[in-house]
Amino acid sequence: MYRPVGNLERFSTACHHLGYYRCVTSTARHATGYAPSNLSRVLELALSKVILQHPLLCVGIVNEDKHDAAFVRLNSIDLSKCLEYKVISASTKAEYDKSLEGILEHQHSQSWSDLDIRPGWKLIVVEGSFEASSNRFVFDAIFAFHHALGDGSSGIVFHQSMLEALNRSKMPDSDGFTKHIVQIPDSIALPPPTEEQINFQVSWAFLAKEVWHVLLSKWSTFLGRGPWAGFPPSAQSIQAYRSRVKVFSISPEQLSIILHNCREQRSTLTGLLYGIITVALALRIPTARSFNTLTPYSLRHLLDPSRKEDMGMYVSSYEITYPLEHISSIIKSRHSSVQLRQHIWTIARSFRESIVVELSRLPRDNHIGLLTYVKNYHGIFRSQIGRPRELTFAVSNLGSCKCEGDEHGWRIEEMIFSQSGFGIGAAFSFNVVSVANGPLTISTTWLEGAVQEEVICEVSKYLEKEMASMR
């Protein structure tokens, strides 16, 4: 055994065991000026180096059904079982992207099997015919992984390491790399869990406030005054488990305009997304009493500098509630596009102010510091079935990936961040990432049965339209 899972990792092992959440994916579109003679051998060579660079890629997981789940060292990894190849026949990029969404939906709906002897990750390589060219070779690499192995930013870390390995690797014909097996050395050491790397301090006042918040939330739900959050989790939707994905992108030119607007409005991109989504949802669900939202944010800036490029669970989250008076005010403005835009920027600025205060307290009085008091994740999660959800939506923004490639080698031109629909969490999630000098992509993910698809489509279309129309 390497070590027991940490408090945040245990959250993910329990969710996966119960089937409530399956995986995270980070997709990177790779391009180069030549077509490799043997792509599979090139990728296996690069991947073998990345595996040994990141210890969490070298482990399995045992005892997911118990509180004492743990990471175990795998003696070896068979790359032929971790690499999957797919070809999409499409005449246009739109057709290709639709098929790619289908691949992501399928992967997000799968559980990881035999985790005691196999790693909880895989790399799916997707080629398409729509961009065939004699001087340009393109493929998408979907890195799918168990959430206990890493946060969303870990997907970026993986692709940065993979890109570096691709550009530094020798051609496979000359390096003698022919086996599919990567031997894992005994010397591989896992990074410590988050709570051992960051000194979280919880005051009695913060603990009392959180206990009161939980009790008040349960009482409001009991009285039917909880937030609108789609349909309650059900055993049927978990058993059928079909994760859904919709993706759209914003061009680099339009993204530059959007960011300029954010700076002028003293806001951030994440704040703007909150503003647009909240307004769209208020217009679509005018009977809602409130919306309760979640924003994951990175803790990597608190790590030792030598650990900031590690894969791992280095994330916390912040909740914001938009009460009835906010929703009512938006509805009253529904016939005025100018007033609706004002609501959007007001919410965006308020979000920025709130998250600045939240981050300024770190590492004091943070939710991650409370996880040490949780002794029965499985029981807590099971108790959520049949009860109203507590969260309406979540927005996860990974920021910009600085994947600097080789001018004459491989480069990453676009990325997609997506995750499984959460059986007991937010009804739906927006997952955001961009590439330096490239487009911004936003995926909307949800579990079928958690929310009406019509609601997702209308909110997503409103978001895309608002962002595309900014000048």
Protein backbone atom coordinates (compact mmCIF):
# COMPACT_ATOMS: atom_id res chain seq x y z
CA MET A 1 0.00 0.00 0.00
CA TYR A 2 1.24 3.50 -0.85
CA ARG A 3 -0.96 5.40 1.60
CA PRO A 4 -4.59 5.83 2.72
CA VAL A 5 -6.61 8.27 0.63
CA GLY A 6 -6.87 11.78 2.02
CA ASN A 7 -10.05 13.49 3.16
CA LEU A 8 -10.84 15.03 -0.22
CA GLU A 9 -9.81 11.89 -2.13
CA ARG A 10 -12.13 9.84 0.13
CA PHE A 11 -15.05 11.99 -1.03
CA SER A 12 -14.35 10.78 -4.60
CA THR A 13 -13.73 7.11 -3.76
CA ALA A 14 -17.06 6.94 -1.92
CA CYS A 15 -18.92 8.68 -4.76
CA HIS A 16 -17.39 6.36 -7.34
CA HIS A 17 -18.15 3.22 -5.35
CA LEU A 18 -21.80 4.25 -5.05
CA GLY A 19 -21.96 5.09 -8.75
CA TYR A 20 -22.82 8.76 -8.16
CA TYR A 21 -19.86 10.20 -10.05
CA ARG A 22 -17.64 8.40 -12.59
CA CYS A 23 -14.79 10.49 -14.00
CA VAL A 24 -13.23 13.75 -15.13
CA THR A 25 -11.99 14.25 -18.68
CA SER A 26 -9.55 16.71 -20.20
CA THR A 27 -9.43 16.71 -23.99
CA ALA A 28 -6.55 18.29 -25.92
CA ARG A 29 -6.48 18.80 -29.67
CA HIS A 30 -2.94 18.06 -30.85
CA ALA A 31 -1.58 19.21 -34.19
CA THR A 32 1.71 18.84 -36.01
CA GLY A 33 3.06 19.43 -39.49
CA TYR A 34 3.69 15.76 -40.27
CA ALA A 35 1.86 12.47 -39.94
CA PRO A 36 3.76 9.98 -37.71
CA SER A 37 4.47 6.68 -39.40
CA ASN A 38 3.27 4.83 -36.29
CA LEU A 39 1.17 7.03 -34.02
CA SER A 40 0.49 4.31 -31.44
CA ARG A 41 4.20 3.72 -30.83
CA VAL A 42 4.88 7.47 -30.57
CA LEU A 43 2.10 7.85 -28.01
CA GLU A 44 3.12 4.80 -25.96
CA LEU A 45 6.69 6.06 -25.72
CA ALA A 46 5.57 9.50 -24.55
CA LEU A 47 2.92 8.09 -22.20
CA SER A 48 5.41 5.73 -20.54
CA LYS A 49 7.50 8.76 -19.53
CA VAL A 50 4.47 10.72 -18.26
CA ILE A 51 3.34 7.78 -16.09
CA LEU A 52 6.67 7.66 -14.26
CA GLN A 53 6.63 11.45 -13.90
CA HIS A 54 3.28 11.46 -12.04
CA PRO A 55 3.03 8.88 -9.23
CA LEU A 56 -0.78 9.00 -9.05
CA LEU A 57 -0.85 7.44 -12.53
CA CYS A 58 1.00 4.44 -11.06
CA VAL A 59 -1.61 3.39 -8.51
CA GLY A 60 -4.76 1.39 -8.05
CA ILE A 61 -7.38 1.88 -5.33
CA VAL A 62 -8.62 -0.64 -2.75
CA ASN A 63 -11.47 -0.57 -0.20
CA GLU A 64 -13.57 2.00 -2.03
CA ASP A 65 -16.58 0.58 -0.21
CA LYS A 66 -15.04 1.45 3.17
CA HIS A 67 -13.84 4.54 5.00
CA ASP A 68 -10.23 3.28 4.85
CA ALA A 69 -9.83 3.33 1.06
CA ALA A 70 -6.18 3.41 0.00
CA PHE A 71 -3.88 3.81 -2.97
CA VAL A 72 -1.81 0.73 -3.86
CA ARG A 73 1.24 0.55 -6.08
CA LEU A 74 0.76 -1.33 -9.33
CA ASN A 75 3.70 -3.50 -10.30
CA SER A 76 3.24 -2.65 -13.97
CA ILE A 77 0.84 -0.96 -16.37
CA ASP A 78 -0.19 -2.45 -19.71
CA LEU A 79 -0.48 0.51 -22.06
CA SER A 80 -2.53 -1.51 -24.54
CA LYS A 81 -5.31 -1.51 -21.93
CA CYS A 82 -4.98 2.21 -21.14
CA LEU A 83 -4.89 3.50 -24.71
CA GLU A 84 -7.96 3.42 -26.93
CA TYR A 85 -8.20 4.57 -30.54
CA LYS A 86 -11.26 5.86 -32.35
CA VAL A 87 -11.84 7.32 -35.82
CA ILE A 88 -14.74 9.67 -36.55
CA SER A 89 -15.93 9.85 -40.16
CA ALA A 90 -17.25 13.37 -40.57
CA SER A 91 -17.33 15.81 -43.47
CA THR A 92 -17.54 18.93 -41.27
CA LYS A 93 -16.17 20.09 -37.94
CA ALA A 94 -19.72 20.35 -36.59
CA GLU A 95 -20.35 16.66 -37.36
CA TYR A 96 -17.03 15.71 -35.79
CA ASP A 97 -17.70 17.74 -32.63
CA LYS A 98 -21.12 16.12 -32.23
CA SER A 99 -19.55 12.66 -32.43
CA LEU A 100 -16.86 13.74 -29.98
CA GLU A 101 -19.58 14.75 -27.51
CA GLY A 102 -20.97 11.22 -27.85
CA ILE A 103 -17.58 9.71 -26.98
CA LEU A 104 -17.33 11.96 -23.92
CA GLU A 105 -20.85 11.06 -22.81
CA HIS A 106 -20.03 7.36 -23.06
CA GLN A 107 -16.81 7.71 -21.08
CA HIS A 108 -18.46 9.82 -18.39
CA SER A 109 -21.05 7.08 -17.92
CA GLN A 110 -18.50 4.32 -17.24
CA SER A 111 -17.21 3.17 -13.86
CA TRP A 112 -13.60 2.11 -13.29
CA SER A 113 -13.34 -1.67 -12.86
CA ASP A 114 -10.69 -3.80 -11.14
CA LEU A 115 -9.14 -0.76 -9.50
CA ASP A 116 -7.00 -2.96 -7.24
CA ILE A 117 -5.01 -4.19 -10.25
CA ARG A 118 -5.65 -1.53 -12.92
CA PRO A 119 -5.17 2.23 -12.96
CA GLY A 120 -8.19 4.54 -12.77
CA TRP A 121 -7.38 6.42 -15.97
CA LYS A 122 -7.19 5.97 -19.73
CA LEU A 123 -6.23 7.93 -22.84
CA ILE A 124 -8.63 7.90 -25.79
CA VAL A 125 -7.12 9.05 -29.09
CA VAL A 126 -9.63 10.31 -31.64
CA GLU A 127 -8.87 11.04 -35.29
CA GLY A 128 -11.24 12.67 -37.76
CA SER A 129 -11.32 12.85 -41.54
CA PHE A 130 -12.76 16.40 -41.79
CA GLU A 131 -9.34 18.02 -41.36
CA ALA A 132 -7.25 15.68 -43.52
CA SER A 133 -4.27 17.50 -45.02
CA SER A 134 -0.87 16.60 -46.42
CA ASN A 135 0.90 19.16 -44.22
CA ARG A 136 -1.18 18.95 -41.04
CA PHE A 137 -1.96 16.03 -38.72
CA VAL A 138 -4.55 16.43 -35.95
CA PHE A 139 -5.95 14.21 -33.22
CA ASP A 140 -7.84 14.69 -29.96
CA ALA A 141 -6.45 13.08 -26.80
CA ILE A 142 -9.12 12.48 -24.15
CA PHE A 143 -7.51 11.94 -20.76
CA ALA A 144 -10.18 10.37 -18.53
CA PHE A 145 -9.45 9.79 -14.84
CA HIS A 146 -10.96 8.85 -11.50
CA HIS A 147 -11.54 12.05 -9.53
CA ALA A 148 -9.53 10.74 -6.54
CA LEU A 149 -6.43 10.87 -8.77
CA GLY A 150 -6.72 14.56 -9.51
CA ASP A 151 -8.71 17.76 -9.81
CA GLY A 152 -9.60 19.46 -13.09
CA SER A 153 -6.22 21.20 -13.24
CA SER A 154 -4.54 17.79 -13.08
CA GLY A 155 -5.86 17.20 -16.59
CA ILE A 156 -3.94 20.24 -17.77
CA VAL A 157 -0.85 19.04 -15.90
CA PHE A 158 -1.13 15.70 -17.69
CA HIS A 159 -1.43 17.25 -21.16
CA GLN A 160 1.46 19.64 -20.53
CA SER A 161 3.63 16.67 -19.54
CA MET A 162 2.41 14.66 -22.53
CA LEU A 163 3.13 17.51 -24.95
CA GLU A 164 6.64 17.88 -23.56
CA ALA A 165 7.22 14.13 -23.85
CA LEU A 166 5.95 14.06 -27.44
CA ASN A 167 8.28 16.87 -28.47
CA ARG A 168 11.30 15.43 -26.65
CA SER A 169 10.86 11.78 -27.57
CA LYS A 170 13.04 10.15 -30.15
CA MET A 171 11.38 8.53 -33.11
CA PRO A 172 10.21 5.06 -32.03
CA ASP A 173 12.06 3.29 -34.83
CA SER A 174 15.39 4.28 -33.27
CA ASP A 175 14.75 3.99 -29.55
CA GLY A 176 13.90 0.31 -29.27
CA PHE A 177 10.65 0.90 -27.40
CA THR A 178 8.46 -2.01 -28.46
CA LYS A 179 6.79 -3.37 -25.32
CA HIS A 180 3.39 -2.27 -24.05
CA ILE A 181 4.38 -2.76 -20.42
CA VAL A 182 5.61 -0.01 -18.10
CA GLN A 183 7.29 -1.34 -14.96
CA ILE A 184 6.59 0.74 -11.85
CA PRO A 185 9.69 1.13 -9.65
CA ASP A 186 9.51 0.72 -5.87
CA SER A 187 10.96 4.22 -5.49
CA ILE A 188 7.79 5.93 -6.77
CA ALA A 189 6.36 8.06 -3.94
CA LEU A 190 2.91 9.65 -3.85
CA PRO A 191 2.46 13.30 -2.90
CA PRO A 192 0.88 13.67 0.56
CA PRO A 193 -2.87 14.39 0.74
CA THR A 194 -3.99 18.01 0.62
CA GLU A 195 -4.59 18.34 4.36
CA GLU A 196 -0.96 17.34 5.04
CA GLN A 197 0.42 19.89 2.59
CA ILE A 198 -1.79 22.81 3.61
CA ASN A 199 -2.33 23.76 7.24
CA PHE A 200 -6.10 24.32 7.32
CA GLN A 201 -7.23 26.08 10.50
CA VAL A 202 -10.87 25.99 11.54
CA SER A 203 -12.18 28.39 14.19
CA TRP A 204 -15.04 27.48 16.52
CA ALA A 205 -17.05 30.37 15.09
CA PHE A 206 -16.68 29.01 11.53
CA LEU A 207 -17.57 25.48 12.66
CA ALA A 208 -20.70 26.75 14.43
CA LYS A 209 -21.70 28.83 11.40
CA GLU A 210 -21.39 25.82 9.07
CA VAL A 211 -23.43 23.59 11.40
CA TRP A 212 -26.12 26.28 11.55
CA HIS A 213 -26.03 26.60 7.73
CA VAL A 214 -26.60 22.86 7.32
CA LEU A 215 -29.50 22.85 9.79
CA LEU A 216 -31.09 25.91 8.21
CA SER A 217 -30.75 24.39 4.74
CA LYS A 218 -32.43 21.16 5.85
CA TRP A 219 -35.25 23.10 7.55
CA SER A 220 -35.82 25.25 4.45
CA THR A 221 -35.96 22.13 2.30
CA PHE A 222 -38.41 20.50 4.72
CA LEU A 223 -40.68 23.57 4.43
CA GLY A 224 -40.43 23.52 0.63
CA ARG A 225 -38.38 26.72 0.56
CA GLY A 226 -35.17 25.26 -0.79
CA PRO A 227 -33.47 26.36 -4.03
CA TRP A 228 -34.63 25.24 -7.44
CA ALA A 229 -32.26 22.40 -8.29
CA GLY A 230 -33.88 20.19 -10.90
CA PHE A 231 -35.23 16.81 -9.84
CA PRO A 232 -34.26 15.00 -6.62
CA PRO A 233 -31.61 12.27 -6.98
CA SER A 234 -33.23 8.91 -7.67
CA ALA A 235 -32.07 5.32 -7.51
CA GLN A 236 -33.42 4.87 -11.04
CA SER A 237 -31.26 7.63 -12.56
CA ILE A 238 -28.19 6.31 -10.73
CA GLN A 239 -28.85 2.77 -11.94
CA ALA A 240 -29.43 3.87 -15.54
CA TYR A 241 -26.59 6.43 -15.23
CA ARG A 242 -26.31 8.31 -18.50
CA SER A 243 -24.06 11.35 -18.32
CA ARG A 244 -24.75 14.10 -20.87
CA VAL A 245 -22.38 16.61 -22.48
CA LYS A 246 -22.88 19.68 -24.67
CA VAL A 247 -19.92 21.79 -25.82
CA PHE A 248 -19.51 25.14 -27.53
CA SER A 249 -16.48 27.34 -28.10
CA ILE A 250 -15.66 31.04 -28.28
CA SER A 251 -13.06 32.20 -30.81
CA PRO A 252 -9.82 33.81 -29.57
CA GLU A 253 -10.89 37.13 -31.10
CA GLN A 254 -14.26 37.15 -29.33
CA LEU A 255 -12.67 35.96 -26.09
CA SER A 256 -10.38 38.99 -26.20
CA ILE A 257 -13.44 41.26 -26.47
CA ILE A 258 -15.16 39.47 -23.58
CA LEU A 259 -12.12 39.79 -21.31
CA HIS A 260 -11.85 43.50 -22.17
CA ASN A 261 -15.48 43.94 -21.10
CA CYS A 262 -14.78 42.06 -17.86
CA ARG A 263 -11.89 44.38 -17.03
CA GLU A 264 -13.99 47.46 -17.75
CA GLN A 265 -16.76 46.14 -15.51
CA ARG A 266 -14.30 45.22 -12.72
CA SER A 267 -15.31 41.60 -13.05
CA THR A 268 -13.85 38.26 -14.10
CA LEU A 269 -14.79 35.71 -16.73
CA THR A 270 -16.17 33.35 -14.07
CA GLY A 271 -18.25 36.19 -12.62
CA LEU A 272 -19.63 36.98 -16.08
CA LEU A 273 -20.60 33.33 -16.55
CA TYR A 274 -22.43 33.42 -13.23
CA GLY A 275 -24.28 36.54 -14.28
CA ILE A 276 -25.41 35.18 -17.65
CA ILE A 277 -26.37 31.74 -16.34
CA THR A 278 -28.32 33.15 -13.38
CA VAL A 279 -30.26 35.55 -15.61
CA ALA A 280 -30.97 32.81 -18.16
CA LEU A 281 -32.16 30.45 -15.45
CA ALA A 282 -34.38 33.09 -13.81
CA LEU A 283 -36.07 33.74 -17.15
CA ARG A 284 -36.55 30.01 -17.71
CA ILE A 285 -37.63 29.10 -14.13
CA PRO A 286 -39.56 32.19 -12.93
CA THR A 287 -41.18 30.22 -10.07
CA ALA A 288 -37.84 29.45 -8.41
CA ARG A 289 -37.41 30.65 -4.81
CA SER A 290 -33.63 30.77 -5.10
CA PHE A 291 -30.60 29.36 -6.90
CA ASN A 292 -27.77 27.85 -4.87
CA THR A 293 -24.48 27.67 -6.79
CA LEU A 294 -21.00 26.23 -6.36
CA THR A 295 -17.61 27.41 -7.58
CA PRO A 296 -14.61 25.09 -7.23
CA TYR A 297 -11.30 26.95 -6.98
CA SER A 298 -7.67 25.89 -6.92
CA LEU A 299 -5.52 25.62 -3.79
CA ARG A 300 -2.30 25.10 -5.73
CA HIS A 301 -0.98 28.56 -4.85
CA LEU A 302 -0.79 27.37 -1.23
CA LEU A 303 1.41 24.38 -2.06
CA ASP A 304 5.16 24.20 -1.82
CA PRO A 305 6.52 25.40 -5.21
CA SER A 306 7.93 21.94 -5.90
CA ARG A 307 4.39 20.47 -5.73
CA LYS A 308 2.46 22.94 -7.87
CA GLU A 309 2.82 20.84 -11.02
CA ASP A 310 1.77 17.59 -9.32
CA MET A 311 -1.37 15.72 -10.16
CA GLY A 312 -3.64 15.63 -7.11
CA MET A 313 -6.78 16.94 -5.41
CA TYR A 314 -5.91 20.54 -4.63
CA VAL A 315 -9.28 22.22 -4.80
CA SER A 316 -11.91 23.75 -2.54
CA SER A 317 -15.26 25.36 -3.33
CA TYR A 318 -17.44 28.34 -2.55
CA GLU A 319 -21.24 28.53 -2.45
CA ILE A 320 -23.32 31.56 -3.45
CA THR A 321 -27.11 31.78 -3.14
CA TYR A 322 -29.22 34.05 -5.34
CA PRO A 323 -32.42 34.67 -3.37
CA LEU A 324 -35.99 35.32 -4.48
CA GLU A 325 -35.57 39.10 -4.68
CA HIS A 326 -32.75 38.66 -7.23
CA ILE A 327 -34.89 36.35 -9.36
CA SER A 328 -37.93 38.65 -9.13
CA SER A 329 -35.88 41.68 -10.17
CA ILE A 330 -34.54 39.81 -13.21
CA ILE A 331 -38.04 38.71 -14.24
CA LYS A 332 -39.33 42.29 -14.03
CA SER A 333 -36.60 43.28 -16.50
CA ARG A 334 -37.29 40.45 -18.95
CA HIS A 335 -38.47 42.79 -21.74
CA SER A 336 -35.40 45.04 -21.58
CA SER A 337 -32.12 43.68 -22.91
CA VAL A 338 -30.30 46.69 -21.45
CA GLN A 339 -31.62 46.01 -17.94
CA LEU A 340 -30.88 42.29 -18.24
CA ARG A 341 -27.29 43.11 -19.21
CA GLN A 342 -27.08 45.36 -16.14
CA HIS A 343 -28.23 42.46 -13.96
CA ILE A 344 -25.54 40.27 -15.52
CA TRP A 345 -22.75 42.72 -14.70
CA THR A 346 -24.09 43.38 -11.20
CA ILE A 347 -23.97 39.65 -10.44
CA ALA A 348 -20.54 39.40 -12.07
CA ARG A 349 -19.06 42.18 -9.92
CA SER A 350 -20.66 40.79 -6.77
CA PHE A 351 -19.17 37.38 -7.52
CA ARG A 352 -15.68 38.82 -7.90
CA GLU A 353 -15.98 40.71 -4.60
CA SER A 354 -17.22 37.60 -2.77
CA ILE A 355 -14.57 35.24 -4.11
CA VAL A 356 -11.80 37.74 -3.26
CA VAL A 357 -12.96 37.69 0.38
CA GLU A 358 -13.14 33.88 0.34
CA LEU A 359 -9.60 33.52 -1.02
CA SER A 360 -8.19 36.10 1.39
CA ARG A 361 -9.05 33.85 4.36
CA LEU A 362 -7.10 30.85 3.08
CA PRO A 363 -6.07 28.52 4.59
CA ARG A 364 -8.16 29.58 7.59
CA ASP A 365 -11.85 28.67 7.94
CA ASN A 366 -12.20 26.62 4.77
CA HIS A 367 -14.56 23.73 4.05
CA ILE A 368 -11.65 21.37 3.38
CA GLY A 369 -10.61 21.77 7.00
CA LEU A 370 -14.00 20.39 8.07
CA LEU A 371 -13.66 17.13 6.15
CA THR A 372 -11.63 15.58 8.95
CA TYR A 373 -14.87 15.44 10.98
CA VAL A 374 -16.71 13.39 8.33
CA LYS A 375 -16.59 9.70 9.26
CA ASN A 376 -19.25 8.12 7.03
CA TYR A 377 -19.26 9.46 3.47
CA HIS A 378 -21.14 6.43 2.16
CA GLY A 379 -23.99 6.84 4.61
CA ILE A 380 -24.23 10.59 4.04
CA PHE A 381 -24.30 10.17 0.27
CA ARG A 382 -26.87 7.36 0.35
CA SER A 383 -29.16 9.53 2.49
CA GLN A 384 -29.36 12.09 -0.35
CA ILE A 385 -31.34 9.78 -2.60
CA GLY A 386 -34.93 10.96 -2.84
CA ARG A 387 -34.24 14.30 -1.14
CA PRO A 388 -34.20 17.65 -3.00
CA ARG A 389 -30.80 18.65 -4.31
CA GLU A 390 -29.02 21.43 -2.46
CA LEU A 391 -27.19 22.87 -5.48
CA THR A 392 -28.63 24.36 -8.66
CA PHE A 393 -25.52 24.59 -10.81
CA ALA A 394 -21.72 24.73 -10.60
CA VAL A 395 -19.16 26.64 -12.65
CA SER A 396 -15.62 25.23 -12.85
CA ASN A 397 -13.15 27.46 -14.67
CA LEU A 398 -9.63 26.06 -15.11
CA GLY A 399 -8.38 29.24 -16.74
CA SER A 400 -5.94 29.28 -19.64
CA CYS A 401 -3.64 26.36 -20.42
CA LYS A 402 -0.19 27.55 -21.39
CA CYS A 403 0.73 24.57 -23.53
CA GLU A 404 3.68 25.90 -25.45
CA GLY A 405 4.49 23.43 -28.19
CA ASP A 406 7.32 23.09 -30.64
CA GLU A 407 7.09 25.20 -33.80
CA HIS A 408 8.26 22.20 -35.81
CA GLY A 409 6.71 19.54 -33.58
CA TRP A 410 3.54 18.99 -31.59
CA ARG A 411 1.30 21.74 -30.22
CA ILE A 412 -2.08 21.91 -28.44
CA GLU A 413 -4.60 24.14 -30.20
CA GLU A 414 -7.79 23.61 -28.18
CA MET A 415 -8.99 21.94 -24.99
CA ILE A 416 -12.28 20.69 -23.51
CA PHE A 417 -12.86 20.16 -19.80
CA SER A 418 -15.83 18.01 -18.84
CA GLN A 419 -17.00 15.79 -16.00
CA SER A 420 -19.65 13.25 -15.15
CA GLY A 421 -23.11 14.35 -14.15
CA PHE A 422 -23.25 14.26 -10.34
CA GLY A 423 -25.90 11.91 -9.00
CA ILE A 424 -26.39 13.87 -5.76
CA GLY A 425 -24.66 17.20 -6.41
CA ALA A 426 -25.46 20.19 -8.61
CA ALA A 427 -28.23 19.57 -11.15
CA PHE A 428 -25.84 20.63 -13.92
CA SER A 429 -22.34 22.05 -14.34
CA PHE A 430 -20.50 24.40 -16.66
CA ASN A 431 -16.85 23.46 -17.22
CA VAL A 432 -14.53 26.05 -18.73
CA VAL A 433 -11.00 26.02 -20.14
CA SER A 434 -9.02 27.85 -22.79
CA VAL A 435 -5.66 27.58 -24.50
CA ALA A 436 -3.28 30.54 -24.65
CA ASN A 437 -3.93 32.33 -27.97
CA GLY A 438 -6.66 29.80 -28.68
CA PRO A 439 -10.42 29.40 -28.16
CA LEU A 440 -12.39 29.15 -24.94
CA THR A 441 -14.55 26.04 -24.61
CA ILE A 442 -17.51 25.57 -22.29
CA SER A 443 -19.04 22.17 -21.69
CA THR A 444 -22.37 21.72 -19.95
CA THR A 445 -22.67 18.39 -18.15
CA TRP A 446 -25.51 16.73 -16.27
CA LEU A 447 -26.94 13.34 -15.35
CA GLU A 448 -29.96 12.36 -17.36
CA GLY A 449 -32.96 12.57 -15.06
CA ALA A 450 -31.47 15.37 -12.93
CA VAL A 451 -32.91 18.21 -14.98
CA GLN A 452 -34.99 18.64 -18.13
CA GLU A 453 -32.85 18.72 -21.26
CA GLU A 454 -34.91 21.67 -22.56
CA VAL A 455 -33.73 23.75 -19.59
CA ILE A 456 -30.09 22.88 -20.30
CA CYS A 457 -30.44 23.70 -24.00
CA GLU A 458 -32.13 27.06 -23.39
CA VAL A 459 -29.66 28.19 -20.72
CA SER A 460 -26.66 27.05 -22.80
CA LYS A 461 -27.99 28.82 -25.92
CA TYR A 462 -28.57 32.02 -23.93
CA LEU A 463 -25.02 31.82 -22.56
CA GLU A 464 -23.51 31.26 -26.00
CA LYS A 465 -25.57 34.06 -27.56
CA GLU A 466 -24.71 36.59 -24.84
CA MET A 467 -21.00 35.86 -25.06
CA ALA A 468 -21.00 35.96 -28.86
CA SER A 469 -22.86 39.31 -28.96
CA MET A 470 -20.49 41.27 -26.70
CA ARG A 471 -18.82 44.21 -28.38
